Protein backbone atom coordinates (compact mmCIF):
# COMPACT_ATOMS: atom_id res chain seq x y z
CA UNK A 1 68.84 174.60 167.78
CA UNK A 2 71.28 173.67 164.96
CA UNK A 3 70.02 174.13 161.35
CA UNK A 4 69.22 170.86 159.43
CA UNK A 5 71.18 169.92 156.33
CA UNK A 6 69.17 169.90 153.04
CA UNK A 7 68.99 166.10 152.89
CA UNK A 8 67.47 166.00 156.33
CA UNK A 9 64.65 168.29 155.43
CA UNK A 10 61.39 166.35 154.95
CA UNK A 11 60.32 168.09 151.75
CA UNK A 12 63.65 167.23 150.00
CA UNK A 13 63.40 163.58 151.17
CA UNK A 14 59.81 163.29 149.89
CA UNK A 15 60.76 164.92 146.59
CA UNK A 16 63.70 162.49 146.20
CA UNK A 17 61.43 159.52 146.98
CA UNK A 18 58.92 160.57 144.34
CA UNK A 19 61.34 161.65 141.63
CA UNK A 20 64.16 159.13 142.09
CA UNK A 21 63.53 156.43 144.74
CA UNK A 22 67.11 155.04 144.67
CA UNK A 23 68.21 158.43 146.10
CA UNK A 24 65.18 159.08 148.29
CA UNK A 25 65.25 155.69 150.10
CA UNK A 26 68.83 156.18 151.53
CA UNK A 27 67.80 159.71 152.60
CA UNK A 28 64.83 158.23 154.44
CA UNK A 29 67.11 155.96 156.44
CA UNK A 30 69.52 158.85 157.22
CA UNK A 31 66.65 160.97 158.44
CA UNK A 32 65.28 161.15 161.95
CA UNK A 33 62.00 159.54 160.88
CA UNK A 34 60.73 156.69 162.97
CA UNK A 35 61.57 153.18 161.95
CA UNK A 36 58.06 152.15 160.89
CA UNK A 37 57.83 155.19 158.61
CA UNK A 38 61.22 154.37 157.11
CA UNK A 39 60.13 150.79 156.38
CA UNK A 40 56.82 151.86 154.91
CA UNK A 41 58.44 154.51 152.69
CA UNK A 42 61.04 152.03 151.49
CA UNK A 43 58.53 149.28 150.69
CA UNK A 44 56.05 151.56 148.92
CA UNK A 45 58.48 153.65 146.86
CA UNK A 46 60.80 150.70 146.16
CA UNK A 47 57.87 148.68 144.89
CA UNK A 48 56.69 151.53 142.68
CA UNK A 49 60.18 152.05 141.31
CA UNK A 50 60.75 148.34 140.57
CA UNK A 51 57.32 148.11 138.96
CA UNK A 52 58.14 151.05 136.74
CA UNK A 53 61.49 149.82 135.42
CA UNK A 54 61.00 146.04 135.43
CA UNK A 55 59.23 145.82 131.98
CA UNK A 56 62.28 147.37 130.36
CA UNK A 57 64.44 144.41 131.39
CA UNK A 58 61.98 141.61 130.73
CA UNK A 59 62.27 139.77 127.35
CA UNK A 60 59.80 141.08 124.85
CA UNK A 61 57.29 138.75 123.28
CA UNK A 62 58.12 138.13 119.63
CA UNK A 63 55.70 139.75 117.22
CA UNK A 64 52.93 137.42 116.14
CA UNK A 65 53.75 135.45 113.05
CA UNK A 66 51.19 136.12 110.39
CA UNK A 67 50.93 133.20 107.99
CA UNK A 68 51.12 134.50 104.47
CA UNK A 69 49.65 132.00 102.06
CA UNK A 70 52.13 131.01 99.41
CA UNK A 71 50.96 131.85 95.91
CA UNK A 72 49.39 129.00 94.05
CA UNK A 73 51.84 127.96 91.35
CA UNK A 74 50.45 128.69 87.93
CA UNK A 75 50.49 125.78 85.56
CA UNK A 76 52.78 126.49 82.62
CA UNK A 77 50.84 125.85 79.42
CA UNK A 78 52.41 123.04 77.46
CA UNK A 79 52.33 123.45 73.72
CA UNK A 80 51.01 120.39 71.93
CA UNK A 81 53.76 118.42 70.21
CA UNK A 82 54.26 119.16 66.54
CA UNK A 83 52.93 116.39 64.33
CA UNK A 84 55.64 114.07 63.09
CA UNK A 85 55.81 114.50 59.29
CA UNK A 86 57.16 110.98 58.94
CA UNK A 87 54.03 109.19 60.14
CA UNK A 88 51.56 110.50 57.51
CA UNK A 89 53.97 109.38 54.77
CA UNK A 90 54.24 105.91 56.29
CA UNK A 91 50.45 105.69 56.64
CA UNK A 92 50.00 106.68 53.00
CA UNK A 93 52.60 104.13 51.90
CA UNK A 94 50.79 101.37 53.80
CA UNK A 95 47.57 102.32 52.01
CA UNK A 96 49.39 102.27 48.66
CA UNK A 97 50.77 98.83 49.42
CA UNK A 98 47.29 97.47 50.14
CA UNK A 99 45.96 98.93 46.90
CA UNK A 100 48.78 97.43 44.83
CA UNK A 101 48.20 93.97 46.30
CA UNK A 102 44.82 93.71 44.56
CA UNK A 103 45.18 96.08 41.57
CA UNK A 104 44.39 94.62 38.14
CA UNK A 105 42.64 97.23 36.01
CA UNK A 106 43.89 100.56 34.72
CA UNK A 107 41.85 102.66 37.19
CA UNK A 108 43.12 100.51 40.06
CA UNK A 109 46.76 100.88 39.03
CA UNK A 110 46.23 104.59 38.55
CA UNK A 111 45.05 104.82 42.17
CA UNK A 112 48.16 102.90 43.22
CA UNK A 113 50.41 105.30 41.32
CA UNK A 114 48.69 108.33 42.84
CA UNK A 115 49.05 106.83 46.32
CA UNK A 116 52.80 106.24 45.85
CA UNK A 117 53.25 109.75 44.46
CA UNK A 118 51.51 111.14 47.53
CA UNK A 119 53.68 108.99 49.82
CA UNK A 120 56.84 110.33 48.17
CA UNK A 121 55.73 113.94 48.48
CA UNK A 122 54.91 113.53 52.16
CA UNK A 123 58.21 111.77 52.84
CA UNK A 124 60.14 114.56 51.09
CA UNK A 125 58.69 116.99 53.64
CA UNK A 126 60.68 115.39 56.46
CA UNK A 127 63.32 118.06 57.33
CA UNK A 128 67.07 117.28 57.68
CA UNK A 129 66.78 118.07 61.41
CA UNK A 130 64.43 115.11 61.92
CA UNK A 131 66.12 112.22 63.83
CA UNK A 132 64.97 109.75 61.14
CA UNK A 133 65.84 111.90 58.15
CA UNK A 134 68.10 109.25 56.60
CA UNK A 135 65.30 106.71 56.82
CA UNK A 136 63.01 109.20 55.08
CA UNK A 137 65.52 109.59 52.21
CA UNK A 138 65.74 105.81 51.91
CA UNK A 139 61.94 105.55 51.83
CA UNK A 140 61.72 108.14 49.05
CA UNK A 141 63.91 105.94 46.85
CA UNK A 142 61.94 102.86 47.85
CA UNK A 143 58.58 104.48 47.06
CA UNK A 144 59.93 105.74 43.74
CA UNK A 145 60.60 102.13 42.80
CA UNK A 146 57.05 101.14 43.67
CA UNK A 147 55.74 104.08 41.67
CA UNK A 148 57.78 103.02 38.66
CA UNK A 149 56.33 99.55 38.95
CA UNK A 150 52.77 100.94 39.03
CA UNK A 151 53.51 103.08 35.96
CA UNK A 152 54.92 100.08 34.11
CA UNK A 153 51.77 98.11 34.89
CA UNK A 154 49.70 100.94 33.42
CA UNK A 155 52.03 101.17 30.43
CA UNK A 156 51.44 97.50 29.68
CA UNK A 157 47.68 98.00 29.79
CA UNK A 158 47.94 101.20 27.74
CA UNK A 159 50.59 99.95 25.31
CA UNK A 160 48.21 99.71 22.31
CA UNK A 161 47.02 103.27 22.90
CA UNK A 162 50.56 104.56 23.49
CA UNK A 163 51.66 103.01 20.19
CA UNK A 164 48.70 104.66 18.50
CA UNK A 165 49.78 107.96 20.07
CA UNK A 166 53.23 107.60 18.53
CA UNK A 167 51.64 107.07 15.10
CA UNK A 168 49.55 110.22 15.59
CA UNK A 169 52.64 112.15 16.66
CA UNK A 170 54.55 111.20 13.55
CA UNK A 171 51.63 111.82 11.22
CA UNK A 172 51.11 115.30 12.70
CA UNK A 173 54.85 116.05 12.35
CA UNK A 174 55.12 116.88 16.01
CA UNK A 175 58.39 117.45 17.83
CA UNK A 176 59.59 116.96 21.38
CA UNK A 177 62.12 118.75 23.53
CA UNK A 178 62.87 119.40 27.19
CA UNK A 179 61.42 122.62 28.53
CA UNK A 180 62.84 124.16 31.71
CA UNK A 181 65.98 122.02 31.82
CA UNK A 182 67.09 123.74 35.03
CA UNK A 183 63.66 124.58 36.44
CA UNK A 184 62.08 122.85 39.45
CA UNK A 185 60.07 120.62 37.13
CA UNK A 186 61.71 120.14 33.71
CA UNK A 187 59.14 118.68 31.34
CA UNK A 188 59.20 116.46 28.27
CA UNK A 189 57.23 118.72 25.95
CA UNK A 190 55.44 117.52 22.81
CA UNK A 191 54.67 120.36 20.39
CA UNK A 192 52.10 120.08 17.64
CA UNK A 193 50.45 122.66 15.43
CA UNK A 194 47.09 123.84 16.67
CA UNK A 195 45.45 122.97 13.35
CA UNK A 196 46.68 119.37 13.58
CA UNK A 197 45.55 119.08 17.19
CA UNK A 198 42.07 120.28 16.24
CA UNK A 199 41.77 117.50 13.65
CA UNK A 200 42.32 114.73 16.22
CA UNK A 201 39.50 112.82 17.83
CA UNK A 202 39.23 112.86 21.61
CA UNK A 203 40.65 109.33 21.67
CA UNK A 204 43.71 110.30 19.62
CA UNK A 205 44.30 113.40 21.70
CA UNK A 206 44.38 111.12 24.73
CA UNK A 207 46.65 108.67 22.88
CA UNK A 208 49.05 111.52 22.15
CA UNK A 209 49.27 112.42 25.84
CA UNK A 210 49.94 108.78 26.67
CA UNK A 211 52.79 108.74 24.18
CA UNK A 212 54.50 111.84 25.56
CA UNK A 213 54.06 110.50 29.09
CA UNK A 214 55.80 107.28 28.03
CA UNK A 215 58.82 109.34 26.95
CA UNK A 216 59.53 110.33 30.57
CA UNK A 217 61.04 106.92 31.28
CA UNK A 218 63.20 107.10 28.17
CA UNK A 219 64.48 110.52 29.27
CA UNK A 220 65.31 109.16 32.72
CA UNK A 221 67.21 106.21 31.28
CA UNK A 222 68.91 108.03 28.39
CA UNK A 223 69.21 111.70 29.38
CA UNK A 224 72.08 112.43 26.97
CA UNK A 225 69.70 112.03 24.01
CA UNK A 226 67.70 115.02 25.21
CA UNK A 227 70.47 117.43 26.25
CA UNK A 228 71.31 120.03 23.61
CA UNK A 229 74.41 121.52 25.27
CA UNK A 230 78.03 120.30 24.83
CA UNK A 231 79.21 117.51 27.10
CA UNK A 232 82.09 119.67 28.33
CA UNK A 233 79.82 122.60 29.21
CA UNK A 234 79.84 123.49 32.94
CA UNK A 235 76.08 122.97 33.20
CA UNK A 236 76.03 119.59 31.47
CA UNK A 237 76.37 117.49 34.69
CA UNK A 238 73.48 119.37 36.29
CA UNK A 239 71.33 118.93 33.18
CA UNK A 240 72.04 115.21 33.14
CA UNK A 241 71.20 114.90 36.83
CA UNK A 242 67.92 116.79 36.42
CA UNK A 243 66.79 114.54 33.59
CA UNK A 244 67.90 111.35 35.32
CA UNK A 245 65.56 112.23 38.20
CA UNK A 246 62.75 113.61 36.07
CA UNK A 247 59.45 113.27 37.91
CA UNK A 248 56.96 110.74 36.48
CA UNK A 249 54.37 113.43 35.68
CA UNK A 250 56.83 115.92 34.16
CA UNK A 251 55.40 116.17 30.66
CA UNK A 252 53.25 118.58 28.68
CA UNK A 253 51.62 119.15 25.28
CA UNK A 254 51.97 122.59 23.69
CA UNK A 255 50.21 123.93 20.63
CA UNK A 256 52.06 125.82 17.90
CA UNK A 257 50.54 128.56 15.79
CA UNK A 258 51.73 129.53 12.34
CA UNK A 259 51.88 133.26 11.66
CA UNK A 260 51.03 135.05 8.43
CA UNK A 261 54.76 135.20 7.72
CA UNK A 262 55.04 131.44 7.94
CA UNK A 263 56.71 131.44 11.38
CA UNK A 264 55.71 128.84 13.95
CA UNK A 265 55.31 130.15 17.50
CA UNK A 266 54.29 128.50 20.73
CA UNK A 267 50.69 129.47 21.36
CA UNK A 268 49.68 127.77 24.61
CA UNK A 269 49.97 124.71 26.82
CA UNK A 270 46.96 122.47 26.39
CA UNK A 271 47.70 119.50 28.68
CA UNK A 272 50.22 118.97 31.50
CA UNK A 273 51.28 116.28 33.93
CA UNK A 274 50.39 116.93 37.57
CA UNK A 275 53.64 118.44 38.91
CA UNK A 276 54.30 121.03 36.20
CA UNK A 277 50.56 121.80 36.11
CA UNK A 278 50.56 122.63 39.84
CA UNK A 279 53.74 124.68 39.49
CA UNK A 280 52.43 126.68 36.52
CA UNK A 281 49.11 127.34 38.23
CA UNK A 282 50.98 128.63 41.27
CA UNK A 283 53.55 130.80 39.46
CA UNK A 284 51.64 131.95 36.35
CA UNK A 285 47.95 131.30 37.02
CA UNK A 286 45.80 131.19 33.93
CA UNK A 287 48.54 129.86 31.64
CA UNK A 288 48.37 126.23 32.74
CA UNK A 289 46.83 123.60 30.55
CA UNK A 290 44.38 120.94 31.62
CA UNK A 291 45.76 118.46 34.13
CA UNK A 292 46.57 115.16 32.40
CA UNK A 293 44.44 112.73 34.39
CA UNK A 294 41.47 115.11 34.31
CA UNK A 295 41.94 115.56 30.56
CA UNK A 296 41.79 111.80 29.97
CA UNK A 297 38.80 111.21 32.23
CA UNK A 298 36.89 114.01 30.50
CA UNK A 299 37.49 112.21 27.21
CA UNK A 300 36.38 108.81 28.40
CA UNK A 301 39.64 107.15 29.46
CA UNK A 302 39.10 105.66 32.88
């Protein structure tokens, strides 16, 4: 009997069917196995082989999409708008206008003057970067005119007392000059010896302050009279400008003290207008005098 080739041996065919069906199935059909066995082996092993490799060639399901919630947008804090510095000045000016419409007495005109002064100060706080800066500058000049009018109304009412103050000034041999010509608030300064000041009644002390206050307008209108530097000096134009725009409350009363050697020295400031009073209190606290309006009220001038 002739010897069988290796691929005809049953154990090799079975091994090929189990390990690698594409090789084992052809060997089955080349073998001497009966036809039913060949069909059965082909169907069973072919099915197992196809079942094993089919998933590799099928399209894979996409990974599940996990919905990630989008972060809730955080609200950006909005800074509150900066207050417009123009509006408070306009509001104050409207109040000043209402007061002036009905003012008749000295206290009423004084309130008008204070209101216009406040309006001017607020309007001067409008910065150059403000879109209505030019309007603010125009309003400052306009309010200054109204303030001058209020001061003139008070001057008319106070004229008898101002004239009395001038008489007191001359009798006490006082003198006036401009202090702080190039300072923030130059001041018309009336100087009188402390002994002469002490002799005055409260009413005449008040009259003296009214007189020096009345000189502010004369300085504004005739600054050259009060400048003690040569006209051709480099600082003369600046001095003239400063006095032309002298603030309405830029005045003060100083007391002089005579030494044992007969010298007269400035002793202290006794009364000041509002602007220089505030400046002195800020820069050299304790050396300021009494504020002018307070001084007058304390001595019975309403």
